[in-house]
C-alpha atoms as a PDB file:
ATOM      1  CA  ILE A   1      49.885 110.103  36.785  1.00  0.00           C
ATOM      2  CA  PHE A   2      47.851 112.407  39.060  1.00  0.00           C
ATOM      3  CA  SER A   3      50.547 112.243  41.720  1.00  0.00           C
ATOM      4  CA  ILE A   4      53.358 113.421  39.432  1.00  0.00           C
ATOM      5  CA  GLY A   5      51.474 116.398  38.007  1.00  0.00           C
ATOM      6  CA  TRP A   6      49.612 119.408  39.384  1.00  0.00           C
ATOM      7  CA  GLY A   7      47.107 117.211  41.273  1.00  0.00           C
ATOM      8  CA  PRO A   8      48.568 117.089  44.782  1.00  0.00           C
ATOM      9  CA  LEU A   9      49.586 120.743  44.703  1.00  0.00           C
ATOM     10  CA  THR A  10      45.971 121.728  45.231  1.00  0.00           C
ATOM     11  CA  GLY A  11      46.017 120.358  48.760  1.00  0.00           C
ATOM     12  CA  VAL A  12      49.367 121.912  49.554  1.00  0.00           C
ATOM     13  CA  LEU A  13      48.407 125.339  48.244  1.00  0.00           C
ATOM     14  CA  LEU A  14      45.008 125.350  49.915  1.00  0.00           C
ATOM     15  CA  ALA A  15      46.468 124.326  53.267  1.00  0.00           C
ATOM     16  CA  GLU A  16      49.060 127.113  53.123  1.00  0.00           C
ATOM     17  CA  MET A  17      46.973 129.958  51.713  1.00  0.00           C
ATOM     18  CA  PHE A  18      44.205 130.299  54.258  1.00  0.00           C
ATOM     19  CA  PRO A  19      44.334 131.413  57.898  1.00  0.00           C
ATOM     20  CA  LEU A  20      43.636 128.822  60.590  1.00  0.00           C
ATOM     21  CA  ARG A  21      40.146 130.127  61.387  1.00  0.00           C
ATOM     22  CA  VAL A  22      38.837 129.276  57.893  1.00  0.00           C
ATOM     23  CA  ARG A  23      41.355 126.705  56.726  1.00  0.00           C
ATOM     24  CA  GLY A  24      39.171 123.614  57.183  1.00  0.00           C
ATOM     25  CA  SER A  25      36.201 125.058  55.318  1.00  0.00           C
ATOM     26  CA  ALA A  26      38.347 126.648  52.613  1.00  0.00           C
ATOM     27  CA  VAL A  27      40.239 123.414  51.936  1.00  0.00           C
ATOM     28  CA  GLY A  28      36.939 121.526  51.746  1.00  0.00           C
ATOM     29  CA  VAL A  29      35.475 124.005  49.256  1.00  0.00           C
ATOM     30  CA  GLY A  30      38.705 124.005  47.260  1.00  0.00           C
ATOM     31  CA  TRP A  31      38.775 120.216  46.986  1.00  0.00           C
ATOM     32  CA  ALA A  32      35.089 120.156  46.029  1.00  0.00           C
ATOM     33  CA  ILE A  33      35.785 122.593  43.202  1.00  0.00           C
ATOM     34  CA  ASN A  34      38.813 120.523  42.178  1.00  0.00           C
ATOM     35  CA  ARG A  35      36.729 117.343  41.955  1.00  0.00           C
ATOM     36  CA  LEU A  36      33.905 119.108  40.072  1.00  0.00           C
ATOM     37  CA  VAL A  37      36.335 120.449  37.489  1.00  0.00           C
ATOM     38  CA  SER A  38      37.943 117.011  37.165  1.00  0.00           C
ATOM     39  CA  GLY A  39      34.505 115.554  36.548  1.00  0.00           C
ATOM     40  CA  LEU A  40      33.819 118.248  33.966  1.00  0.00           C
ATOM     41  CA  VAL A  41      36.981 117.262  32.115  1.00  0.00           C
ATOM     42  CA  VAL A  42      35.902 113.616  32.092  1.00  0.00           C
ATOM     43  CA  LEU A  43      32.367 114.425  30.914  1.00  0.00           C
ATOM     44  CA  THR A  44      33.452 116.767  28.127  1.00  0.00           C
ATOM     45  CA  PHE A  45      36.432 114.891  26.698  1.00  0.00           C
ATOM     46  CA  LEU A  46      34.562 112.639  24.272  1.00  0.00           C
ATOM     47  CA  PRO A  47      32.121 115.287  22.994  1.00  0.00           C
ATOM     48  CA  LEU A  48      34.967 117.762  22.487  1.00  0.00           C
ATOM     49  CA  SER A  49      37.166 115.186  20.778  1.00  0.00           C
ATOM     50  CA  ALA A  50      34.327 114.461  18.352  1.00  0.00           C
ATOM     51  CA  VAL A  51      34.225 118.163  17.421  1.00  0.00           C
ATOM     52  CA  VAL A  52      37.890 119.253  17.437  1.00  0.00           C
ATOM     53  CA  GLY A  53      39.708 115.914  17.535  1.00  0.00           C
ATOM     54  CA  VAL A  54      41.857 114.433  20.269  1.00  0.00           C
ATOM     55  CA  GLY A  55      44.765 116.723  19.377  1.00  0.00           C
ATOM     56  CA  GLY A  56      42.506 119.744  19.669  1.00  0.00           C
ATOM     57  CA  VAL A  57      41.277 118.688  23.094  1.00  0.00           C
ATOM     58  CA  PHE A  58      44.801 118.126  24.364  1.00  0.00           C
ATOM     59  CA  SER A  59      45.810 121.488  22.902  1.00  0.00           C
ATOM     60  CA  MET A  60      43.047 123.090  24.958  1.00  0.00           C
ATOM     61  CA  TYR A  61      44.260 121.218  28.050  1.00  0.00           C
ATOM     62  CA  PHE A  62      47.786 122.438  27.294  1.00  0.00           C
ATOM     63  CA  LEU A  63      46.574 126.041  27.163  1.00  0.00           C
ATOM     64  CA  VAL A  64      44.832 125.604  30.508  1.00  0.00           C
ATOM     65  CA  ALA A  65      48.060 124.127  31.946  1.00  0.00           C
ATOM     66  CA  LEU A  66      50.011 127.139  30.660  1.00  0.00           C
ATOM     67  CA  ALA A  67      47.479 129.458  32.282  1.00  0.00           C
ATOM     68  CA  ALA A  68      47.874 127.493  35.547  1.00  0.00           C
ATOM     69  CA  LEU A  69      51.653 127.830  35.325  1.00  0.00           C
ATOM     70  CA  TRP A  70      51.396 131.581  34.742  1.00  0.00           C
ATOM     71  CA  PHE A  71      48.943 131.888  37.645  1.00  0.00           C
ATOM     72  CA  SER A  72      51.273 129.905  39.916  1.00  0.00           C
ATOM     73  CA  LEU A  73      54.308 131.983  39.025  1.00  0.00           C
ATOM     74  CA  TYR A  74      52.757 135.447  39.134  1.00  0.00           C
ATOM     75  CA  VAL A  75      49.659 135.326  41.355  1.00  0.00           C
ATOM     76  CA  VAL A  76      50.069 132.628  44.029  1.00  0.00           C
ATOM     77  CA  PRO A  77      51.895 134.140  47.009  1.00  0.00           C
ATOM     78  CA  GLU A  78      55.245 132.721  48.073  1.00  0.00           C
ATOM     79  CA  THR A  79      55.036 130.924  51.432  1.00  0.00           C
ATOM     80  CA  LYS A  80      58.699 130.010  51.892  1.00  0.00           C
ATOM     81  CA  GLY A  81      59.860 131.172  55.308  1.00  0.00           C
ATOM     82  CA  VAL A  82      56.322 132.027  56.450  1.00  0.00           C
ATOM     83  CA  THR A  83      54.901 130.108  59.401  1.00  0.00           C
ATOM     84  CA  LEU A  84      51.835 127.955  58.779  1.00  0.00           C
ATOM     85  CA  ALA A  85      49.834 129.929  61.346  1.00  0.00           C
ATOM     86  CA  SER A  86      50.439 133.254  59.595  1.00  0.00           C
END
């Protein structure tokens, strides 16, 4: 399921957003943050579902996904036609 969602886009976006001189470090930090947030989701799912129910937790995840979609559409720069080195 990870591969058909937003998961792999992290690597693509990180590799295209940073200049070559910092790309390796920036991608490493980005992936570390990605894995930490994924771990946070795993650790908080059961406690949250006990408080707001499974539907409530998935509603919160849905709101985060909508925020990610908005961010992708309006904040992430377009890289089509731009060379990887620039």
